[in-house]
Amino acid sequence: MRQQQHAQTVGHREGDRKARQSWRSGGKRPVLRFVIVLVVLLGAFNYVYYVAFVRGDLLRPHLETTARLTGGILRVLGNDVRVSGTSVSSSRFSMGIDNGCDALQAVAFYVFAVVASPMRVSLLARAVSIVLGSLLLVGVNLVRIASLYYVGVYYPNAFETVHIEVWQTMFVFLPIFLWLIWVWWVIRRSAELANATV
């Protein structure tokens, strides 16, 4: 019994070691390559985002859709709100959905981090993770905007603080945290598969 338990423990350690090595495998300096690819992709995205989308007003349809979805959420929660273009308003409070409220940069970071990660994972698994993670970030963004409406109604003096210092800070770290969860999941899954073959 003890020998079997020892063999299982050794097998688990070996599987964990192989899973951790998958991050470092695949050639020289994969972590450095990951950072370089991520920075290049984010740089290209932000150039297009600010030059074409923000200056060219190409984000407006997306912002209008975000406003309509936010208005729908607030109506379901019992609020009598009107949506006009990118504005959500009622007799109690009005707010505009502007550039930066679109969650696109957060989604871009998460997508590019998953794509650039030197993990041994299938394209299908990456694609599913990208879709689910992106939908989660968009959903949290809608929650963020809806919550800001309530802050504006009940605590108008705190609106800017919650908007800038709380939610924007959270949206800087949320895609990073989500990507780290994905990395942990891939490593754990790889370890389980390695243990199964020991």
C-alpha atoms as a PDB file:
ATOM      1  CA  MET A   1       0.000   0.000   0.000  1.00  0.00           C
ATOM      2  CA  ARG A   2       2.800   2.404   0.901  1.00  0.00           C
ATOM      3  CA  GLN A   3       4.703   1.564  -2.261  1.00  0.00           C
ATOM      4  CA  GLN A   4       1.597   2.270  -4.341  1.00  0.00           C
ATOM      5  CA  GLN A   5       1.034   5.609  -2.590  1.00  0.00           C
ATOM      6  CA  HIS A   6       4.713   6.498  -3.092  1.00  0.00           C
ATOM      7  CA  ALA A   7       4.448   5.642  -6.800  1.00  0.00           C
ATOM      8  CA  GLN A   8       1.319   7.805  -7.124  1.00  0.00           C
ATOM      9  CA  THR A   9       3.051  10.712  -5.349  1.00  0.00           C
ATOM     10  CA  VAL A  10       6.085  10.401  -7.621  1.00  0.00           C
ATOM     11  CA  GLY A  11       3.766  10.203 -10.636  1.00  0.00           C
ATOM     12  CA  HIS A  12       1.929  13.376  -9.567  1.00  0.00           C
ATOM     13  CA  ARG A  13       5.230  15.208  -9.063  1.00  0.00           C
ATOM     14  CA  GLU A  14       6.462  14.078 -12.457  1.00  0.00           C
ATOM     15  CA  GLY A  15       3.191  15.202 -14.086  1.00  0.00           C
ATOM     16  CA  ASP A  16       3.406  18.606 -12.377  1.00  0.00           C
ATOM     17  CA  ARG A  17       7.048  18.956 -13.473  1.00  0.00           C
ATOM     18  CA  LYS A  18       6.166  18.148 -17.092  1.00  0.00           C
ATOM     19  CA  ALA A  19       3.255  20.597 -17.023  1.00  0.00           C
ATOM     20  CA  ARG A  20       5.494  23.389 -15.716  1.00  0.00           C
ATOM     21  CA  GLN A  21       8.099  22.570 -18.357  1.00  0.00           C
ATOM     22  CA  SER A  22       5.476  23.042 -21.083  1.00  0.00           C
ATOM     23  CA  TRP A  23       5.646  26.783 -20.336  1.00  0.00           C
ATOM     24  CA  ARG A  24       9.413  26.786 -20.883  1.00  0.00           C
ATOM     25  CA  SER A  25       9.557  24.339 -23.787  1.00  0.00           C
ATOM     26  CA  GLY A  26       9.388  24.971 -27.503  1.00  0.00           C
ATOM     27  CA  GLY A  27      12.708  26.686 -28.161  1.00  0.00           C
ATOM     28  CA  LYS A  28      14.899  29.362 -26.632  1.00  0.00           C
ATOM     29  CA  ARG A  29      13.451  31.953 -24.304  1.00  0.00           C
ATOM     30  CA  PRO A  30       9.720  31.294 -24.881  1.00  0.00           C
ATOM     31  CA  VAL A  31       8.748  33.688 -22.077  1.00  0.00           C
ATOM     32  CA  LEU A  32      10.708  36.495 -23.730  1.00  0.00           C
ATOM     33  CA  ARG A  33       9.083  35.615 -27.064  1.00  0.00           C
ATOM     34  CA  PHE A  34       5.668  35.694 -25.353  1.00  0.00           C
ATOM     35  CA  VAL A  35       6.337  39.189 -23.972  1.00  0.00           C
ATOM     36  CA  ILE A  36       7.611  40.496 -27.324  1.00  0.00           C
ATOM     37  CA  VAL A  37       4.660  39.055 -29.277  1.00  0.00           C
ATOM     38  CA  LEU A  38       2.174  40.378 -26.715  1.00  0.00           C
ATOM     39  CA  VAL A  39       3.700  43.874 -26.755  1.00  0.00           C
ATOM     40  CA  VAL A  40       3.754  43.969 -30.583  1.00  0.00           C
ATOM     41  CA  LEU A  41       0.131  42.796 -30.840  1.00  0.00           C
ATOM     42  CA  LEU A  42      -1.056  45.256 -28.191  1.00  0.00           C
ATOM     43  CA  GLY A  43       0.908  48.076 -29.794  1.00  0.00           C
ATOM     44  CA  ALA A  44      -0.628  47.378 -33.199  1.00  0.00           C
ATOM     45  CA  PHE A  45      -4.104  47.076 -31.693  1.00  0.00           C
ATOM     46  CA  ASN A  46      -3.822  50.339 -29.733  1.00  0.00           C
ATOM     47  CA  TYR A  47      -2.563  52.175 -32.805  1.00  0.00           C
ATOM     48  CA  VAL A  48      -5.578  51.010 -34.793  1.00  0.00           C
ATOM     49  CA  TYR A  49      -7.878  51.597 -31.796  1.00  0.00           C
ATOM     50  CA  TYR A  50      -6.885  55.239 -31.264  1.00  0.00           C
ATOM     51  CA  VAL A  51      -6.169  56.269 -34.859  1.00  0.00           C
ATOM     52  CA  ALA A  52      -8.931  54.471 -36.765  1.00  0.00           C
ATOM     53  CA  PHE A  53     -11.606  53.713 -34.201  1.00  0.00           C
ATOM     54  CA  VAL A  54     -11.485  56.627 -31.758  1.00  0.00           C
ATOM     55  CA  ARG A  55     -10.519  59.413 -34.166  1.00  0.00           C
ATOM     56  CA  GLY A  56     -12.533  57.938 -37.015  1.00  0.00           C
ATOM     57  CA  ASP A  57     -15.593  57.463 -34.788  1.00  0.00           C
ATOM     58  CA  LEU A  58     -15.798  53.803 -35.849  1.00  0.00           C
ATOM     59  CA  LEU A  59     -16.548  52.808 -32.246  1.00  0.00           C
ATOM     60  CA  ARG A  60     -19.904  54.564 -32.219  1.00  0.00           C
ATOM     61  CA  PRO A  61     -21.995  51.526 -33.328  1.00  0.00           C
ATOM     62  CA  HIS A  62     -20.338  49.436 -30.621  1.00  0.00           C
ATOM     63  CA  LEU A  63     -20.914  52.151 -27.997  1.00  0.00           C
ATOM     64  CA  GLU A  64     -24.561  52.466 -29.074  1.00  0.00           C
ATOM     65  CA  THR A  65     -25.005  48.695 -28.748  1.00  0.00           C
ATOM     66  CA  THR A  66     -23.418  48.837 -25.288  1.00  0.00           C
ATOM     67  CA  ALA A  67     -25.828  51.633 -24.323  1.00  0.00           C
ATOM     68  CA  ARG A  68     -28.838  49.623 -25.568  1.00  0.00           C
ATOM     69  CA  LEU A  69     -27.729  46.514 -23.654  1.00  0.00           C
ATOM     70  CA  THR A  70     -27.139  48.581 -20.511  1.00  0.00           C
ATOM     71  CA  GLY A  71     -30.555  50.185 -20.888  1.00  0.00           C
ATOM     72  CA  GLY A  72     -32.119  46.736 -21.249  1.00  0.00           C
ATOM     73  CA  ILE A  73     -30.418  45.523 -18.064  1.00  0.00           C
ATOM     74  CA  LEU A  74     -31.557  48.598 -16.141  1.00  0.00           C
ATOM     75  CA  ARG A  75     -35.139  48.210 -17.393  1.00  0.00           C
ATOM     76  CA  VAL A  76     -35.192  44.563 -16.310  1.00  0.00           C
ATOM     77  CA  LEU A  77     -34.083  45.798 -12.876  1.00  0.00           C
ATOM     78  CA  GLY A  78     -37.080  48.139 -12.766  1.00  0.00           C
ATOM     79  CA  ASN A  79     -35.585  51.434 -13.924  1.00  0.00           C
ATOM     80  CA  ASP A  80     -37.423  53.723 -16.311  1.00  0.00           C
ATOM     81  CA  VAL A  81     -34.500  54.645 -18.559  1.00  0.00           C
ATOM     82  CA  ARG A  82     -34.282  55.914 -22.124  1.00  0.00           C
ATOM     83  CA  VAL A  83     -31.489  55.157 -24.556  1.00  0.00           C
ATOM     84  CA  SER A  84     -30.562  57.675 -27.224  1.00  0.00           C
ATOM     85  CA  GLY A  85     -27.424  56.982 -29.196  1.00  0.00           C
ATOM     86  CA  THR A  86     -24.725  56.406 -26.608  1.00  0.00           C
ATOM     87  CA  SER A  87     -26.666  57.988 -23.728  1.00  0.00           C
ATOM     88  CA  VAL A  88     -28.638  56.232 -20.998  1.00  0.00           C
ATOM     89  CA  SER A  89     -30.885  58.590 -19.074  1.00  0.00           C
ATOM     90  CA  SER A  90     -33.819  58.882 -16.729  1.00  0.00           C
ATOM     91  CA  SER A  91     -35.396  61.616 -14.661  1.00  0.00           C
ATOM     92  CA  ARG A  92     -32.936  60.683 -11.896  1.00  0.00           C
ATOM     93  CA  PHE A  93     -29.598  60.465 -13.723  1.00  0.00           C
ATOM     94  CA  SER A  94     -28.063  60.577 -17.184  1.00  0.00           C
ATOM     95  CA  MET A  95     -24.756  59.181 -18.417  1.00  0.00           C
ATOM     96  CA  GLY A  96     -22.984  58.729 -21.718  1.00  0.00           C
ATOM     97  CA  ILE A  97     -21.152  55.634 -22.912  1.00  0.00           C
ATOM     98  CA  ASP A  98     -17.867  57.025 -24.220  1.00  0.00           C
ATOM     99  CA  ASN A  99     -14.587  55.700 -25.597  1.00  0.00           C
ATOM    100  CA  GLY A 100     -12.935  53.589 -22.909  1.00  0.00           C
ATOM    101  CA  CYS A 101     -16.282  52.205 -21.761  1.00  0.00           C
ATOM    102  CA  ASP A 102     -16.204  49.576 -24.518  1.00  0.00           C
ATOM    103  CA  ALA A 103     -13.981  46.932 -22.824  1.00  0.00           C
ATOM    104  CA  LEU A 104     -12.196  46.364 -26.143  1.00  0.00           C
ATOM    105  CA  GLN A 105      -8.720  46.968 -24.742  1.00  0.00           C
ATOM    106  CA  ALA A 106      -9.314  44.527 -21.892  1.00  0.00           C
ATOM    107  CA  VAL A 107     -10.620  41.919 -24.344  1.00  0.00           C
ATOM    108  CA  ALA A 108      -7.660  42.554 -26.664  1.00  0.00           C
ATOM    109  CA  PHE A 109      -5.137  41.984 -23.853  1.00  0.00           C
ATOM    110  CA  TYR A 110      -6.773  38.719 -22.835  1.00  0.00           C
ATOM    111  CA  VAL A 111      -7.079  37.451 -26.426  1.00  0.00           C
ATOM    112  CA  PHE A 112      -3.489  38.343 -27.324  1.00  0.00           C
ATOM    113  CA  ALA A 113      -2.148  36.867 -24.072  1.00  0.00           C
ATOM    114  CA  VAL A 114      -3.890  33.554 -24.775  1.00  0.00           C
ATOM    115  CA  VAL A 115      -2.749  33.562 -28.413  1.00  0.00           C
ATOM    116  CA  ALA A 116       0.885  34.419 -27.559  1.00  0.00           C
ATOM    117  CA  SER A 117       1.227  32.054 -24.577  1.00  0.00           C
ATOM    118  CA  PRO A 118       3.798  29.300 -25.217  1.00  0.00           C
ATOM    119  CA  MET A 119       1.525  26.661 -23.739  1.00  0.00           C
ATOM    120  CA  ARG A 120       0.975  23.242 -25.279  1.00  0.00           C
ATOM    121  CA  VAL A 121      -2.732  23.499 -25.883  1.00  0.00           C
ATOM    122  CA  SER A 122      -4.862  22.821 -28.944  1.00  0.00           C
ATOM    123  CA  LEU A 123      -6.207  25.565 -31.185  1.00  0.00           C
ATOM    124  CA  LEU A 124      -9.746  24.533 -30.262  1.00  0.00           C
ATOM    125  CA  ALA A 125      -9.018  24.904 -26.538  1.00  0.00           C
ATOM    126  CA  ARG A 126      -7.482  28.328 -27.157  1.00  0.00           C
ATOM    127  CA  ALA A 127     -10.449  29.391 -29.306  1.00  0.00           C
ATOM    128  CA  VAL A 128     -12.993  28.269 -26.685  1.00  0.00           C
ATOM    129  CA  SER A 129     -11.029  30.048 -23.946  1.00  0.00           C
ATOM    130  CA  ILE A 130     -10.851  33.215 -26.038  1.00  0.00           C
ATOM    131  CA  VAL A 131     -14.609  33.232 -26.724  1.00  0.00           C
ATOM    132  CA  LEU A 132     -15.590  32.496 -23.109  1.00  0.00           C
ATOM    133  CA  GLY A 133     -13.099  34.970 -21.643  1.00  0.00           C
ATOM    134  CA  SER A 134     -14.139  37.717 -24.062  1.00  0.00           C
ATOM    135  CA  LEU A 135     -17.831  37.195 -23.307  1.00  0.00           C
ATOM    136  CA  LEU A 136     -17.082  37.308 -19.583  1.00  0.00           C
ATOM    137  CA  LEU A 137     -15.195  40.614 -19.929  1.00  0.00           C
ATOM    138  CA  VAL A 138     -18.001  42.141 -22.023  1.00  0.00           C
ATOM    139  CA  GLY A 139     -20.542  40.938 -19.446  1.00  0.00           C
ATOM    140  CA  VAL A 140     -18.572  42.423 -16.555  1.00  0.00           C
ATOM    141  CA  ASN A 141     -18.321  45.673 -18.504  1.00  0.00           C
ATOM    142  CA  LEU A 142     -22.117  45.826 -18.777  1.00  0.00           C
ATOM    143  CA  VAL A 143     -22.356  45.218 -15.027  1.00  0.00           C
ATOM    144  CA  ARG A 144     -19.828  48.025 -14.531  1.00  0.00           C
ATOM    145  CA  ILE A 145     -21.858  50.522 -16.564  1.00  0.00           C
ATOM    146  CA  ALA A 146     -25.160  49.510 -14.957  1.00  0.00           C
ATOM    147  CA  SER A 147     -23.612  49.844 -11.488  1.00  0.00           C
ATOM    148  CA  LEU A 148     -22.363  53.323 -12.383  1.00  0.00           C
ATOM    149  CA  TYR A 149     -25.947  54.332 -13.136  1.00  0.00           C
ATOM    150  CA  TYR A 150     -26.915  53.369  -9.575  1.00  0.00           C
ATOM    151  CA  VAL A 151     -23.901  55.205  -8.178  1.00  0.00           C
ATOM    152  CA  GLY A 152     -25.004  58.275 -10.133  1.00  0.00           C
ATOM    153  CA  VAL A 153     -28.544  57.990  -8.756  1.00  0.00           C
ATOM    154  CA  TYR A 154     -27.740  57.329  -5.105  1.00  0.00           C
ATOM    155  CA  TYR A 155     -24.169  58.606  -4.618  1.00  0.00           C
ATOM    156  CA  PRO A 156     -23.550  61.207  -7.343  1.00  0.00           C
ATOM    157  CA  ASN A 157     -20.563  62.707  -5.519  1.00  0.00           C
ATOM    158  CA  ALA A 158     -18.812  59.326  -5.668  1.00  0.00           C
ATOM    159  CA  PHE A 159     -19.459  58.762  -9.384  1.00  0.00           C
ATOM    160  CA  GLU A 160     -16.049  59.889 -10.674  1.00  0.00           C
ATOM    161  CA  THR A 161     -14.208  58.033  -7.924  1.00  0.00           C
ATOM    162  CA  VAL A 162     -16.028  54.760  -8.616  1.00  0.00           C
ATOM    163  CA  HIS A 163     -15.776  55.257 -12.373  1.00  0.00           C
ATOM    164  CA  ILE A 164     -12.072  56.136 -12.570  1.00  0.00           C
ATOM    165  CA  GLU A 165     -10.381  54.794  -9.456  1.00  0.00           C
ATOM    166  CA  VAL A 166     -12.402  51.633  -8.827  1.00  0.00           C
ATOM    167  CA  TRP A 167     -13.765  50.264 -12.094  1.00  0.00           C
ATOM    168  CA  GLN A 168     -10.997  51.421 -14.426  1.00  0.00           C
ATOM    169  CA  THR A 169      -8.368  50.022 -12.082  1.00  0.00           C
ATOM    170  CA  MET A 170     -10.269  46.733 -11.911  1.00  0.00           C
ATOM    171  CA  PHE A 171     -10.414  46.586 -15.705  1.00  0.00           C
ATOM    172  CA  VAL A 172      -6.644  46.936 -15.881  1.00  0.00           C
ATOM    173  CA  PHE A 173      -6.140  43.869 -13.692  1.00  0.00           C
ATOM    174  CA  LEU A 174      -9.201  41.773 -14.651  1.00  0.00           C
ATOM    175  CA  PRO A 175      -7.895  40.523 -18.036  1.00  0.00           C
ATOM    176  CA  ILE A 176      -4.506  39.755 -16.452  1.00  0.00           C
ATOM    177  CA  PHE A 177      -6.221  37.789 -13.680  1.00  0.00           C
ATOM    178  CA  LEU A 178      -8.405  35.979 -16.217  1.00  0.00           C
ATOM    179  CA  TRP A 179      -5.357  35.045 -18.294  1.00  0.00           C
ATOM    180  CA  LEU A 180      -3.546  33.754 -15.178  1.00  0.00           C
ATOM    181  CA  ILE A 181      -6.560  31.554 -14.419  1.00  0.00           C
ATOM    182  CA  TRP A 182      -6.339  30.216 -17.990  1.00  0.00           C
ATOM    183  CA  VAL A 183      -2.600  29.475 -17.558  1.00  0.00           C
ATOM    184  CA  TRP A 184      -3.316  27.691 -14.260  1.00  0.00           C
ATOM    185  CA  TRP A 185      -6.076  25.646 -15.937  1.00  0.00           C
ATOM    186  CA  VAL A 186      -3.789  24.624 -18.815  1.00  0.00           C
ATOM    187  CA  ILE A 187      -0.968  23.617 -16.447  1.00  0.00           C
ATOM    188  CA  ARG A 188      -3.353  21.637 -14.245  1.00  0.00           C
ATOM    189  CA  ARG A 189      -4.942  19.925 -17.254  1.00  0.00           C
ATOM    190  CA  SER A 190      -1.500  19.054 -18.643  1.00  0.00           C
ATOM    191  CA  ALA A 191      -0.493  17.635 -15.262  1.00  0.00           C
ATOM    192  CA  GLU A 192      -3.631  15.475 -15.111  1.00  0.00           C
ATOM    193  CA  LEU A 193      -2.968  14.141 -18.618  1.00  0.00           C
ATOM    194  CA  ALA A 194       0.668  13.454 -17.729  1.00  0.00           C
ATOM    195  CA  ASN A 195      -0.386  11.647 -14.530  1.00  0.00           C
ATOM    196  CA  ALA A 196      -2.852   9.553 -16.516  1.00  0.00           C
ATOM    197  CA  THR A 197      -0.049   8.292 -18.750  1.00  0.00           C
ATOM    198  CA  VAL A 198       2.384   7.522 -15.882  1.00  0.00           C
END
